[in-house]
N, C-alpha and C. Protein backbone atom coordinates (compact mmCIF):
# COMPACT_ATOMS: atom_id res chain seq x y z
N UNK A 1 132.68 162.22 -62.55
CA UNK A 1 132.91 162.55 -61.15
C UNK A 1 132.56 161.36 -60.25
N UNK A 2 131.51 160.65 -60.62
CA UNK A 2 131.11 159.50 -59.81
C UNK A 2 132.17 158.41 -59.83
N UNK A 3 132.78 158.20 -60.98
CA UNK A 3 133.84 157.18 -61.08
C UNK A 3 135.05 157.57 -60.24
N UNK A 4 135.40 158.84 -60.27
CA UNK A 4 136.54 159.28 -59.47
C UNK A 4 136.24 159.19 -57.97
N UNK A 5 134.99 159.50 -57.58
CA UNK A 5 134.61 159.34 -56.18
C UNK A 5 134.69 157.87 -55.77
N UNK A 6 134.19 156.98 -56.64
CA UNK A 6 134.27 155.56 -56.35
C UNK A 6 135.70 155.09 -56.24
N UNK A 7 136.58 155.59 -57.12
CA UNK A 7 137.99 155.23 -57.05
C UNK A 7 138.62 155.73 -55.75
N UNK A 8 138.26 156.92 -55.33
CA UNK A 8 138.79 157.46 -54.07
C UNK A 8 138.34 156.63 -52.86
N UNK A 9 137.07 156.25 -52.85
CA UNK A 9 136.55 155.43 -51.75
C UNK A 9 137.25 154.07 -51.76
N UNK A 10 137.39 153.48 -52.94
CA UNK A 10 138.08 152.19 -53.06
C UNK A 10 139.52 152.29 -52.58
N UNK A 11 140.17 153.39 -52.91
CA UNK A 11 141.55 153.61 -52.50
C UNK A 11 141.67 153.65 -50.97
N UNK A 12 140.79 154.42 -50.34
CA UNK A 12 140.83 154.54 -48.88
C UNK A 12 140.54 153.18 -48.23
N UNK A 13 139.53 152.49 -48.72
CA UNK A 13 139.15 151.20 -48.13
C UNK A 13 140.29 150.19 -48.27
N UNK A 14 140.92 150.11 -49.45
CA UNK A 14 142.03 149.16 -49.61
C UNK A 14 143.23 149.53 -48.75
N UNK A 15 143.47 150.81 -48.54
CA UNK A 15 144.57 151.20 -47.66
C UNK A 15 144.27 150.78 -46.22
N UNK A 16 143.01 150.89 -45.80
CA UNK A 16 142.64 150.48 -44.44
C UNK A 16 142.74 148.96 -44.30
N UNK A 17 142.25 148.24 -45.29
CA UNK A 17 142.24 146.78 -45.22
C UNK A 17 143.66 146.22 -45.16
N UNK A 18 144.59 146.78 -45.93
CA UNK A 18 145.93 146.22 -46.07
C UNK A 18 146.98 146.95 -45.24
N UNK A 19 146.58 147.73 -44.26
CA UNK A 19 147.54 148.54 -43.49
C UNK A 19 148.48 147.71 -42.63
N UNK A 20 148.08 146.52 -42.23
CA UNK A 20 148.92 145.71 -41.37
C UNK A 20 149.85 144.79 -42.12
N UNK A 21 149.76 144.76 -43.42
CA UNK A 21 150.59 143.85 -44.22
C UNK A 21 151.96 144.47 -44.50
N UNK A 22 152.95 143.65 -44.86
CA UNK A 22 154.27 144.19 -45.22
C UNK A 22 154.18 145.15 -46.40
N UNK A 23 155.15 146.04 -46.47
CA UNK A 23 155.14 147.10 -47.48
C UNK A 23 155.08 146.54 -48.90
N UNK A 24 155.83 145.47 -49.16
CA UNK A 24 155.86 144.88 -50.52
C UNK A 24 154.50 144.34 -50.91
N UNK A 25 153.82 143.65 -50.01
CA UNK A 25 152.47 143.13 -50.30
C UNK A 25 151.47 144.26 -50.43
N UNK A 26 151.60 145.25 -49.57
CA UNK A 26 150.68 146.40 -49.58
C UNK A 26 150.79 147.16 -50.90
N UNK A 27 152.00 147.27 -51.43
CA UNK A 27 152.19 148.00 -52.68
C UNK A 27 151.53 147.29 -53.85
N UNK A 28 151.61 145.94 -53.87
CA UNK A 28 150.99 145.18 -54.96
C UNK A 28 149.47 145.23 -54.88
N UNK A 29 148.91 145.33 -53.68
CA UNK A 29 147.47 145.27 -53.50
C UNK A 29 146.82 146.65 -53.45
N UNK A 30 147.59 147.71 -53.49
CA UNK A 30 147.01 149.05 -53.41
C UNK A 30 146.44 149.47 -54.77
N UNK A 31 145.63 150.48 -54.75
CA UNK A 31 145.03 151.01 -55.98
C UNK A 31 146.13 151.56 -56.89
N UNK A 32 147.13 152.20 -56.32
CA UNK A 32 148.23 152.73 -57.14
C UNK A 32 148.98 151.61 -57.84
N UNK A 33 149.19 150.49 -57.16
CA UNK A 33 149.87 149.34 -57.77
C UNK A 33 149.06 148.74 -58.90
N UNK A 34 147.75 148.68 -58.72
CA UNK A 34 146.88 148.14 -59.77
C UNK A 34 146.82 149.10 -60.95
N UNK A 35 146.73 150.39 -60.68
CA UNK A 35 146.67 151.38 -61.77
C UNK A 35 147.94 151.41 -62.59
N UNK A 36 149.07 151.03 -61.96
CA UNK A 36 150.33 150.99 -62.71
C UNK A 36 150.34 149.89 -63.76
N UNK A 37 149.48 148.89 -63.60
CA UNK A 37 149.41 147.78 -64.55
C UNK A 37 148.44 148.02 -65.69
N UNK A 38 147.71 149.12 -65.67
CA UNK A 38 146.71 149.41 -66.69
C UNK A 38 147.40 149.73 -68.03
N UNK A 39 146.88 149.17 -69.09
CA UNK A 39 147.41 149.42 -70.43
C UNK A 39 146.86 150.75 -70.93
N UNK A 40 147.59 151.83 -70.68
CA UNK A 40 147.12 153.17 -70.97
C UNK A 40 146.89 153.41 -72.47
N UNK A 41 147.77 152.96 -73.38
CA UNK A 41 147.48 153.20 -74.80
C UNK A 41 146.17 152.59 -75.27
N UNK A 42 145.82 151.42 -74.76
CA UNK A 42 144.55 150.81 -75.15
C UNK A 42 143.38 151.60 -74.59
N UNK A 43 143.49 152.06 -73.35
CA UNK A 43 142.43 152.87 -72.76
C UNK A 43 142.25 154.17 -73.54
N UNK A 44 143.36 154.80 -73.92
CA UNK A 44 143.27 156.05 -74.68
C UNK A 44 142.71 155.79 -76.08
N UNK A 45 143.03 154.64 -76.68
CA UNK A 45 142.49 154.29 -77.99
C UNK A 45 140.96 154.20 -77.92
N UNK A 46 140.45 153.46 -76.93
CA UNK A 46 139.00 153.33 -76.80
C UNK A 46 138.35 154.66 -76.43
N UNK A 47 139.02 155.46 -75.62
CA UNK A 47 138.51 156.77 -75.30
C UNK A 47 138.40 157.64 -76.55
N UNK A 48 139.41 157.56 -77.42
CA UNK A 48 139.36 158.30 -78.67
C UNK A 48 138.23 157.84 -79.56
N UNK A 49 138.01 156.53 -79.63
CA UNK A 49 136.90 156.02 -80.44
C UNK A 49 135.57 156.52 -79.89
N UNK A 50 135.40 156.43 -78.57
CA UNK A 50 134.14 156.86 -77.99
C UNK A 50 133.92 158.37 -78.18
N UNK A 51 134.98 159.16 -78.09
CA UNK A 51 134.85 160.59 -78.30
C UNK A 51 134.50 160.89 -79.76
N UNK A 52 135.12 160.17 -80.70
CA UNK A 52 134.83 160.39 -82.10
C UNK A 52 133.37 160.03 -82.43
N UNK A 53 132.91 158.91 -81.90
CA UNK A 53 131.52 158.51 -82.15
C UNK A 53 130.55 159.49 -81.51
N UNK A 54 130.86 159.95 -80.30
CA UNK A 54 129.98 160.92 -79.63
C UNK A 54 129.93 162.23 -80.39
N UNK A 55 131.06 162.69 -80.92
CA UNK A 55 131.05 163.94 -81.67
C UNK A 55 130.30 163.81 -82.99
N UNK A 56 130.48 162.67 -83.67
CA UNK A 56 129.73 162.44 -84.90
C UNK A 56 128.23 162.33 -84.64
N UNK A 57 127.89 161.72 -83.52
CA UNK A 57 126.48 161.59 -83.16
C UNK A 57 125.86 162.95 -82.83
N UNK A 58 126.56 163.75 -82.04
CA UNK A 58 125.99 165.05 -81.66
C UNK A 58 125.93 166.01 -82.84
N UNK A 59 126.79 165.83 -83.83
CA UNK A 59 126.73 166.67 -85.03
C UNK A 59 125.64 166.20 -86.00
N UNK A 60 125.10 164.99 -85.77
CA UNK A 60 124.04 164.48 -86.63
C UNK A 60 124.52 163.65 -87.79
N UNK A 61 125.84 163.46 -87.91
CA UNK A 61 126.38 162.72 -89.05
C UNK A 61 126.04 161.23 -89.00
N UNK A 62 126.02 160.65 -87.80
CA UNK A 62 125.69 159.23 -87.70
C UNK A 62 124.26 158.97 -88.11
N UNK A 63 123.36 159.87 -87.76
CA UNK A 63 121.96 159.72 -88.15
C UNK A 63 121.81 159.78 -89.68
N UNK A 64 122.50 160.75 -90.29
CA UNK A 64 122.46 160.86 -91.75
C UNK A 64 123.05 159.64 -92.42
N UNK A 65 124.17 159.16 -91.93
CA UNK A 65 124.83 158.00 -92.50
C UNK A 65 123.96 156.75 -92.35
N UNK A 66 123.34 156.59 -91.17
CA UNK A 66 122.51 155.41 -90.97
C UNK A 66 121.29 155.42 -91.88
N UNK A 67 120.69 156.57 -92.11
CA UNK A 67 119.56 156.65 -93.03
C UNK A 67 120.01 156.33 -94.47
N UNK A 68 121.17 156.88 -94.86
CA UNK A 68 121.67 156.61 -96.22
C UNK A 68 121.98 155.14 -96.40
N UNK A 69 122.65 154.53 -95.42
CA UNK A 69 122.96 153.11 -95.50
C UNK A 69 121.71 152.25 -95.51
N UNK A 70 120.69 152.64 -94.74
CA UNK A 70 119.45 151.88 -94.71
C UNK A 70 118.76 151.93 -96.06
N UNK A 71 118.81 153.09 -96.73
CA UNK A 71 118.18 153.22 -98.04
C UNK A 71 118.95 152.50 -99.13
N UNK A 72 120.27 152.62 -99.12
CA UNK A 72 121.10 152.12 -100.22
C UNK A 72 121.53 150.66 -100.05
N UNK A 73 121.85 150.27 -98.83
CA UNK A 73 122.45 148.97 -98.61
C UNK A 73 121.46 148.00 -97.96
N UNK A 74 120.67 148.48 -97.06
CA UNK A 74 119.75 147.63 -96.35
C UNK A 74 120.33 147.16 -95.03
N UNK A 75 119.76 146.10 -94.50
CA UNK A 75 120.17 145.59 -93.19
C UNK A 75 121.31 144.60 -93.35
N UNK A 76 122.53 145.02 -93.00
CA UNK A 76 123.70 144.15 -93.07
C UNK A 76 124.23 143.97 -91.65
N UNK A 77 124.37 142.74 -91.24
CA UNK A 77 124.91 142.45 -89.91
C UNK A 77 126.41 142.64 -89.92
N UNK A 78 126.93 143.25 -88.89
CA UNK A 78 128.39 143.46 -88.78
C UNK A 78 129.00 142.40 -87.89
N UNK A 79 130.24 142.02 -88.17
CA UNK A 79 130.89 141.00 -87.31
C UNK A 79 131.22 141.58 -85.94
N UNK A 80 131.34 140.72 -84.97
CA UNK A 80 131.67 141.16 -83.61
C UNK A 80 133.13 141.62 -83.56
N UNK A 81 133.46 142.38 -82.54
CA UNK A 81 134.80 142.93 -82.40
C UNK A 81 135.71 141.95 -81.65
N UNK A 82 135.85 140.75 -82.22
CA UNK A 82 136.68 139.71 -81.58
C UNK A 82 138.14 140.12 -81.60
N UNK A 83 138.58 140.81 -82.67
CA UNK A 83 140.00 141.17 -82.78
C UNK A 83 140.43 142.11 -81.68
N UNK A 84 139.52 142.96 -81.18
CA UNK A 84 139.87 143.88 -80.10
C UNK A 84 140.12 143.11 -78.82
N UNK A 85 139.30 142.10 -78.56
CA UNK A 85 139.51 141.28 -77.36
C UNK A 85 140.83 140.51 -77.47
N UNK A 86 141.14 140.02 -78.67
CA UNK A 86 142.40 139.29 -78.87
C UNK A 86 143.60 140.22 -78.65
N UNK A 87 143.49 141.45 -79.07
CA UNK A 87 144.57 142.40 -78.86
C UNK A 87 144.87 142.58 -77.37
N UNK A 88 143.82 142.68 -76.57
CA UNK A 88 144.01 142.85 -75.13
C UNK A 88 144.57 141.62 -74.47
N UNK A 89 144.09 140.45 -74.88
CA UNK A 89 144.54 139.21 -74.25
C UNK A 89 145.98 138.87 -74.61
N UNK A 90 146.34 139.11 -75.86
CA UNK A 90 147.68 138.74 -76.33
C UNK A 90 148.68 139.89 -76.26
N UNK A 91 148.28 141.02 -75.70
CA UNK A 91 149.15 142.20 -75.57
C UNK A 91 149.70 142.64 -76.93
N UNK A 92 148.82 142.69 -77.92
CA UNK A 92 149.21 143.11 -79.27
C UNK A 92 149.13 144.63 -79.35
N UNK A 93 150.16 145.26 -79.84
CA UNK A 93 150.21 146.70 -80.00
C UNK A 93 149.25 147.11 -81.11
N UNK A 94 148.55 148.23 -80.91
CA UNK A 94 147.58 148.68 -81.90
C UNK A 94 148.24 149.04 -83.22
N UNK A 95 149.41 149.65 -83.21
CA UNK A 95 150.09 150.03 -84.44
C UNK A 95 150.48 148.78 -85.24
N UNK A 96 150.95 147.75 -84.57
CA UNK A 96 151.27 146.49 -85.24
C UNK A 96 150.03 145.91 -85.89
N UNK A 97 148.92 145.92 -85.14
CA UNK A 97 147.65 145.41 -85.67
C UNK A 97 147.22 146.21 -86.87
N UNK A 98 147.36 147.53 -86.80
CA UNK A 98 146.95 148.40 -87.89
C UNK A 98 147.75 148.10 -89.15
N UNK A 99 149.06 147.87 -89.00
CA UNK A 99 149.93 147.60 -90.14
C UNK A 99 149.74 146.22 -90.73
N UNK A 100 149.60 145.21 -89.87
CA UNK A 100 149.64 143.82 -90.32
C UNK A 100 148.26 143.18 -90.54
N UNK A 101 147.26 143.57 -89.80
CA UNK A 101 146.00 142.83 -89.80
C UNK A 101 144.83 143.65 -90.33
N UNK A 102 144.88 144.96 -90.24
CA UNK A 102 143.69 145.75 -90.58
C UNK A 102 143.25 145.55 -92.02
N UNK A 103 144.16 145.37 -92.95
CA UNK A 103 143.75 145.18 -94.34
C UNK A 103 143.00 143.85 -94.50
N UNK A 104 143.41 142.82 -93.72
CA UNK A 104 142.68 141.55 -93.76
C UNK A 104 141.27 141.70 -93.19
N UNK A 105 141.17 142.47 -92.12
CA UNK A 105 139.85 142.71 -91.52
C UNK A 105 138.95 143.47 -92.48
N UNK A 106 139.49 144.45 -93.18
CA UNK A 106 138.69 145.22 -94.14
C UNK A 106 138.24 144.34 -95.30
N UNK A 107 139.15 143.52 -95.81
CA UNK A 107 138.78 142.60 -96.90
C UNK A 107 137.69 141.62 -96.44
N UNK A 108 137.85 141.08 -95.25
CA UNK A 108 136.84 140.14 -94.73
C UNK A 108 135.50 140.80 -94.53
N UNK A 109 135.50 142.01 -93.98
CA UNK A 109 134.24 142.71 -93.77
C UNK A 109 133.56 143.05 -95.10
N UNK A 110 134.32 143.59 -96.05
CA UNK A 110 133.74 143.96 -97.34
C UNK A 110 133.26 142.76 -98.11
N UNK A 111 133.99 141.66 -98.06
CA UNK A 111 133.55 140.46 -98.78
C UNK A 111 132.29 139.89 -98.13
N UNK A 112 132.22 139.90 -96.81
CA UNK A 112 131.00 139.45 -96.14
C UNK A 112 129.80 140.32 -96.45
N UNK A 113 130.03 141.64 -96.48
CA UNK A 113 128.95 142.55 -96.82
C UNK A 113 128.50 142.36 -98.27
N UNK A 114 129.45 142.10 -99.17
CA UNK A 114 129.11 141.88 -100.58
C UNK A 114 128.31 140.60 -100.76
N UNK A 115 128.68 139.54 -100.07
CA UNK A 115 127.93 138.28 -100.16
C UNK A 115 126.52 138.47 -99.62
N UNK A 116 126.41 139.15 -98.49
CA UNK A 116 125.08 139.40 -97.92
C UNK A 116 124.23 140.22 -98.87
N UNK A 117 124.82 141.26 -99.48
CA UNK A 117 124.09 142.10 -100.41
C UNK A 117 123.66 141.30 -101.64
N UNK A 118 124.56 140.45 -102.17
CA UNK A 118 124.20 139.62 -103.33
C UNK A 118 123.08 138.65 -102.99
N UNK A 119 123.11 138.07 -101.81
CA UNK A 119 122.03 137.18 -101.39
C UNK A 119 120.70 137.93 -101.30
N UNK A 120 120.74 139.14 -100.81
CA UNK A 120 119.53 139.95 -100.71
C UNK A 120 118.98 140.30 -102.10
N UNK A 121 119.87 140.51 -103.07
CA UNK A 121 119.45 140.85 -104.43
C UNK A 121 118.82 139.65 -105.13
N UNK A 122 119.32 138.44 -104.85
CA UNK A 122 118.83 137.24 -105.49
C UNK A 122 117.43 136.91 -104.96
N UNK A 123 117.22 137.08 -103.66
CA UNK A 123 115.94 136.75 -103.04
C UNK A 123 115.00 137.87 -103.35
């Protein structure tokens, strides 16, 4: 609700600020014009991820999984989510990424985790 209130206030303020400008300029600078440029599939993708994580957390599954991983695997650092930033910058479709790149990301993650685990076993 707070975000929607903030958006409403921002909308009113921008309409007041740009009221004397030509219609074409006003349309590009308005909140509606900016919202039209938002990449909705990416926003919905992240919203789905956040909802899935929140539901797993509230059900207690993440806590159980983290305890199991801590006992069985130990402390393994995960790579940063650089590919997600690249998707946004290069306007890469998520389905294309899923088909073409996800298997490479999984192989890279698993091989990194295996090397880390082997190093931990040797020491």
